[in-house]
Amino acid sequence: MTGTRNLPGTHITEHAPCWGDPDFAVDDDRWTNATDLIRLCEPVLYVCGHCPFRAACIRQVRPSKSEFSGICGGRIWVNGAVVRALPGVGPEDLPPPVNRKACGTAAGVRAHRRAVEQQCSKCDSFTQAGAQQLELDSA
């Protein structure tokens, strides 16, 4: 995907520290694979650390749906999938969850991850129960 510096309706984050910087929405001709893109993006990812626009950035760019490649919302994306994230960047920046029939199961958890959205309460409970079972099994 080509760099996305001039997206329509991007007025919400036009004052973000990354606005218009080609190192955040990296043009296709600057990289050939995910490793190249990560190498280009990692040195500037820290800028998202205290940025108040992370959630708005994700809402505007919609990286998962647009198959965005570059930095958005404190994460490095390749073709709409998160490949790196800043430490401490949580799901609160991600879009709200879509409730599915599979919610509350491993398949539901995977569906939220594939959609790059927050997890619903049923899937949170499933994840927590699995973590507790792992602790019991390892004790």
C-alpha atoms as a PDB file:
ATOM      1  CA  MET A   1       0.000   0.000   0.000  1.00  0.00           C
ATOM      2  CA  THR A   2       1.219   3.453  -0.785  1.00  0.00           C
ATOM      3  CA  GLY A   3       1.947   5.936   1.979  1.00  0.00           C
ATOM      4  CA  THR A   4      -1.179   7.450   3.497  1.00  0.00           C
ATOM      5  CA  ARG A   5      -0.121  10.976   4.345  1.00  0.00           C
ATOM      6  CA  ASN A   6      -3.076  12.624   2.631  1.00  0.00           C
ATOM      7  CA  LEU A   7      -6.062  10.581   3.742  1.00  0.00           C
ATOM      8  CA  PRO A   8      -9.395  12.319   3.414  1.00  0.00           C
ATOM      9  CA  GLY A   9     -10.819  13.410   6.746  1.00  0.00           C
ATOM     10  CA  THR A  10      -7.509  13.273   8.618  1.00  0.00           C
ATOM     11  CA  HIS A  11      -8.076  16.644  10.243  1.00  0.00           C
ATOM     12  CA  ILE A  12      -8.474  15.037  13.689  1.00  0.00           C
ATOM     13  CA  THR A  13      -4.806  14.068  13.939  1.00  0.00           C
ATOM     14  CA  GLU A  14      -3.282  16.804  11.812  1.00  0.00           C
ATOM     15  CA  HIS A  15      -1.403  18.079  14.859  1.00  0.00           C
ATOM     16  CA  ALA A  16      -0.036  14.704  15.895  1.00  0.00           C
ATOM     17  CA  PRO A  17       3.777  14.662  16.011  1.00  0.00           C
ATOM     18  CA  CYS A  18       3.881  12.208  13.078  1.00  0.00           C
ATOM     19  CA  TRP A  19       1.590  14.240  10.803  1.00  0.00           C
ATOM     20  CA  GLY A  20       2.998  14.254   7.263  1.00  0.00           C
ATOM     21  CA  ASP A  21       6.203  12.442   8.239  1.00  0.00           C
ATOM     22  CA  PRO A  22       7.075   9.866   5.546  1.00  0.00           C
ATOM     23  CA  ASP A  23       8.703   7.609   8.156  1.00  0.00           C
ATOM     24  CA  PHE A  24       5.260   6.795   9.588  1.00  0.00           C
ATOM     25  CA  ALA A  25       3.324   6.078   6.367  1.00  0.00           C
ATOM     26  CA  VAL A  26       6.197   4.557   4.434  1.00  0.00           C
ATOM     27  CA  ASP A  27       5.884   4.546   0.642  1.00  0.00           C
ATOM     28  CA  ASP A  28       6.016   1.118  -1.003  1.00  0.00           C
ATOM     29  CA  ASP A  29       9.183   1.941  -2.933  1.00  0.00           C
ATOM     30  CA  ARG A  30      11.148   2.268   0.346  1.00  0.00           C
ATOM     31  CA  TRP A  31      10.651  -1.349   1.491  1.00  0.00           C
ATOM     32  CA  THR A  32      10.246  -4.814  -0.004  1.00  0.00           C
ATOM     33  CA  ASN A  33       9.326  -7.008   2.984  1.00  0.00           C
ATOM     34  CA  ALA A  34       8.171  -6.798   6.602  1.00  0.00           C
ATOM     35  CA  THR A  35      11.732  -6.839   7.918  1.00  0.00           C
ATOM     36  CA  ASP A  36      12.597  -3.765   5.821  1.00  0.00           C
ATOM     37  CA  LEU A  37       9.499  -1.927   7.006  1.00  0.00           C
ATOM     38  CA  ILE A  38      10.156  -2.734  10.667  1.00  0.00           C
ATOM     39  CA  ARG A  39      13.763  -1.552  10.270  1.00  0.00           C
ATOM     40  CA  LEU A  40      12.509   1.758   8.852  1.00  0.00           C
ATOM     41  CA  CYS A  41       9.762   2.255  11.436  1.00  0.00           C
ATOM     42  CA  GLU A  42      11.330   1.120  14.713  1.00  0.00           C
ATOM     43  CA  PRO A  43      13.592   4.183  15.124  1.00  0.00           C
ATOM     44  CA  VAL A  44      10.587   6.551  15.154  1.00  0.00           C
ATOM     45  CA  LEU A  45       7.957   4.351  16.854  1.00  0.00           C
ATOM     46  CA  TYR A  46       8.826   5.914  20.233  1.00  0.00           C
ATOM     47  CA  VAL A  47       7.072   9.122  19.089  1.00  0.00           C
ATOM     48  CA  CYS A  48       3.735   7.360  19.667  1.00  0.00           C
ATOM     49  CA  GLY A  49       4.611   6.673  23.302  1.00  0.00           C
ATOM     50  CA  HIS A  50       2.850   9.662  24.842  1.00  0.00           C
ATOM     51  CA  CYS A  51       0.788  10.695  21.835  1.00  0.00           C
ATOM     52  CA  PRO A  52      -2.807  11.573  22.751  1.00  0.00           C
ATOM     53  CA  PHE A  53      -3.952  10.745  19.197  1.00  0.00           C
ATOM     54  CA  ARG A  54      -3.259   6.965  19.144  1.00  0.00           C
ATOM     55  CA  ALA A  55      -6.910   5.898  19.247  1.00  0.00           C
ATOM     56  CA  ALA A  56      -7.968   8.631  16.799  1.00  0.00           C
ATOM     57  CA  CYS A  57      -5.141   7.584  14.491  1.00  0.00           C
ATOM     58  CA  ILE A  58      -6.389   3.990  14.421  1.00  0.00           C
ATOM     59  CA  ARG A  59      -9.996   5.148  13.880  1.00  0.00           C
ATOM     60  CA  GLN A  60      -8.958   7.335  10.936  1.00  0.00           C
ATOM     61  CA  VAL A  61      -6.488   5.073   9.196  1.00  0.00           C
ATOM     62  CA  ARG A  62      -8.436   1.859   9.940  1.00  0.00           C
ATOM     63  CA  PRO A  63      -5.197  -0.068   9.357  1.00  0.00           C
ATOM     64  CA  SER A  64      -6.755  -3.521   9.476  1.00  0.00           C
ATOM     65  CA  LYS A  65      -9.445  -2.754   6.903  1.00  0.00           C
ATOM     66  CA  SER A  66      -7.223  -0.612   4.673  1.00  0.00           C
ATOM     67  CA  GLU A  67      -4.327  -3.096   4.865  1.00  0.00           C
ATOM     68  CA  PHE A  68      -2.112  -0.230   5.995  1.00  0.00           C
ATOM     69  CA  SER A  69       1.645  -0.641   6.288  1.00  0.00           C
ATOM     70  CA  GLY A  70       3.568   1.737   8.537  1.00  0.00           C
ATOM     71  CA  ILE A  71       3.119   3.209  12.004  1.00  0.00           C
ATOM     72  CA  CYS A  72      -0.350   3.845  13.376  1.00  0.00           C
ATOM     73  CA  GLY A  73      -1.478   4.150  16.975  1.00  0.00           C
ATOM     74  CA  GLY A  74       1.772   3.052  18.590  1.00  0.00           C
ATOM     75  CA  ARG A  75       2.043  -0.062  16.452  1.00  0.00           C
ATOM     76  CA  ILE A  76       3.877  -1.098  13.310  1.00  0.00           C
ATOM     77  CA  TRP A  77       1.448  -2.607  10.804  1.00  0.00           C
ATOM     78  CA  VAL A  78       2.209  -4.674   7.714  1.00  0.00           C
ATOM     79  CA  ASN A  79      -0.726  -5.102   5.339  1.00  0.00           C
ATOM     80  CA  GLY A  80      -3.199  -4.451   8.148  1.00  0.00           C
ATOM     81  CA  ALA A  81      -1.661  -6.727  10.775  1.00  0.00           C
ATOM     82  CA  VAL A  82       0.243  -5.588  13.858  1.00  0.00           C
ATOM     83  CA  VAL A  83       3.836  -6.830  13.805  1.00  0.00           C
ATOM     84  CA  ARG A  84       5.277  -4.672  16.614  1.00  0.00           C
ATOM     85  CA  ALA A  85       3.855  -2.481  19.341  1.00  0.00           C
ATOM     86  CA  LEU A  86       5.301  -0.109  21.876  1.00  0.00           C
ATOM     87  CA  PRO A  87       5.608  -1.620  25.344  1.00  0.00           C
ATOM     88  CA  GLY A  88       2.580  -0.687  27.402  1.00  0.00           C
ATOM     89  CA  VAL A  89       0.344   0.074  24.426  1.00  0.00           C
ATOM     90  CA  GLY A  90      -2.887  -1.673  25.321  1.00  0.00           C
ATOM     91  CA  PRO A  91      -6.090  -2.589  23.553  1.00  0.00           C
ATOM     92  CA  GLU A  92      -7.888   0.561  24.728  1.00  0.00           C
ATOM     93  CA  ASP A  93      -6.724   2.313  21.526  1.00  0.00           C
ATOM     94  CA  LEU A  94      -8.245  -0.390  19.322  1.00  0.00           C
ATOM     95  CA  PRO A  95     -11.807  -0.297  17.960  1.00  0.00           C
ATOM     96  CA  PRO A  96     -14.542  -1.759  20.182  1.00  0.00           C
ATOM     97  CA  PRO A  97     -15.234  -5.468  19.849  1.00  0.00           C
ATOM     98  CA  VAL A  98     -17.755  -7.022  17.535  1.00  0.00           C
ATOM     99  CA  ASN A  99     -19.788  -9.702  19.285  1.00  0.00           C
ATOM    100  CA  ARG A 100     -19.717 -13.006  17.411  1.00  0.00           C
ATOM    101  CA  LYS A 101     -21.290 -16.412  17.914  1.00  0.00           C
ATOM    102  CA  ALA A 102     -17.802 -17.733  18.703  1.00  0.00           C
ATOM    103  CA  CYS A 103     -17.250 -15.247  21.542  1.00  0.00           C
ATOM    104  CA  GLY A 104     -16.245 -16.931  24.786  1.00  0.00           C
ATOM    105  CA  THR A 105     -14.187 -19.550  22.953  1.00  0.00           C
ATOM    106  CA  ALA A 106     -10.661 -19.789  21.551  1.00  0.00           C
ATOM    107  CA  ALA A 107     -12.120 -19.113  18.093  1.00  0.00           C
ATOM    108  CA  GLY A 108     -13.734 -15.911  19.402  1.00  0.00           C
ATOM    109  CA  VAL A 109     -10.433 -14.717  20.877  1.00  0.00           C
ATOM    110  CA  ARG A 110      -8.701 -15.406  17.541  1.00  0.00           C
ATOM    111  CA  ALA A 111     -11.446 -13.534  15.655  1.00  0.00           C
ATOM    112  CA  HIS A 112     -10.894 -10.407  17.795  1.00  0.00           C
ATOM    113  CA  ARG A 113      -7.142 -10.612  17.199  1.00  0.00           C
ATOM    114  CA  ARG A 114      -7.578 -11.064  13.435  1.00  0.00           C
ATOM    115  CA  ALA A 115      -9.935  -8.070  13.344  1.00  0.00           C
ATOM    116  CA  VAL A 116      -7.446  -6.069  15.454  1.00  0.00           C
ATOM    117  CA  GLU A 117     -10.089  -4.938  17.895  1.00  0.00           C
ATOM    118  CA  GLN A 118     -10.637  -5.021  21.633  1.00  0.00           C
ATOM    119  CA  GLN A 119     -11.750  -8.299  23.141  1.00  0.00           C
ATOM    120  CA  CYS A 120     -15.355  -8.641  24.371  1.00  0.00           C
ATOM    121  CA  SER A 121     -16.123  -9.521  27.993  1.00  0.00           C
ATOM    122  CA  LYS A 122     -16.919 -13.169  27.111  1.00  0.00           C
ATOM    123  CA  CYS A 123     -13.529 -13.583  25.432  1.00  0.00           C
ATOM    124  CA  ASP A 124     -11.811 -11.758  28.310  1.00  0.00           C
ATOM    125  CA  SER A 125     -13.348 -14.283  30.702  1.00  0.00           C
ATOM    126  CA  PHE A 126     -12.265 -17.158  28.468  1.00  0.00           C
ATOM    127  CA  THR A 127      -8.695 -15.793  28.309  1.00  0.00           C
ATOM    128  CA  GLN A 128      -8.532 -15.271  32.089  1.00  0.00           C
ATOM    129  CA  ALA A 129      -9.879 -18.776  32.760  1.00  0.00           C
ATOM    130  CA  GLY A 130      -7.217 -20.210  30.458  1.00  0.00           C
ATOM    131  CA  ALA A 131      -4.480 -18.263  32.253  1.00  0.00           C
ATOM    132  CA  GLN A 132      -5.722 -19.477  35.637  1.00  0.00           C
ATOM    133  CA  GLN A 133      -5.766 -23.064  34.371  1.00  0.00           C
ATOM    134  CA  LEU A 134      -2.154 -22.689  33.176  1.00  0.00           C
ATOM    135  CA  GLU A 135      -1.150 -21.468  36.637  1.00  0.00           C
ATOM    136  CA  LEU A 136      -2.877 -24.445  38.274  1.00  0.00           C
ATOM    137  CA  ASP A 137      -1.265 -26.872  35.833  1.00  0.00           C
ATOM    138  CA  SER A 138       2.219 -25.470  36.459  1.00  0.00           C
ATOM    139  CA  ALA A 139       1.876 -25.506  40.270  1.00  0.00           C
END
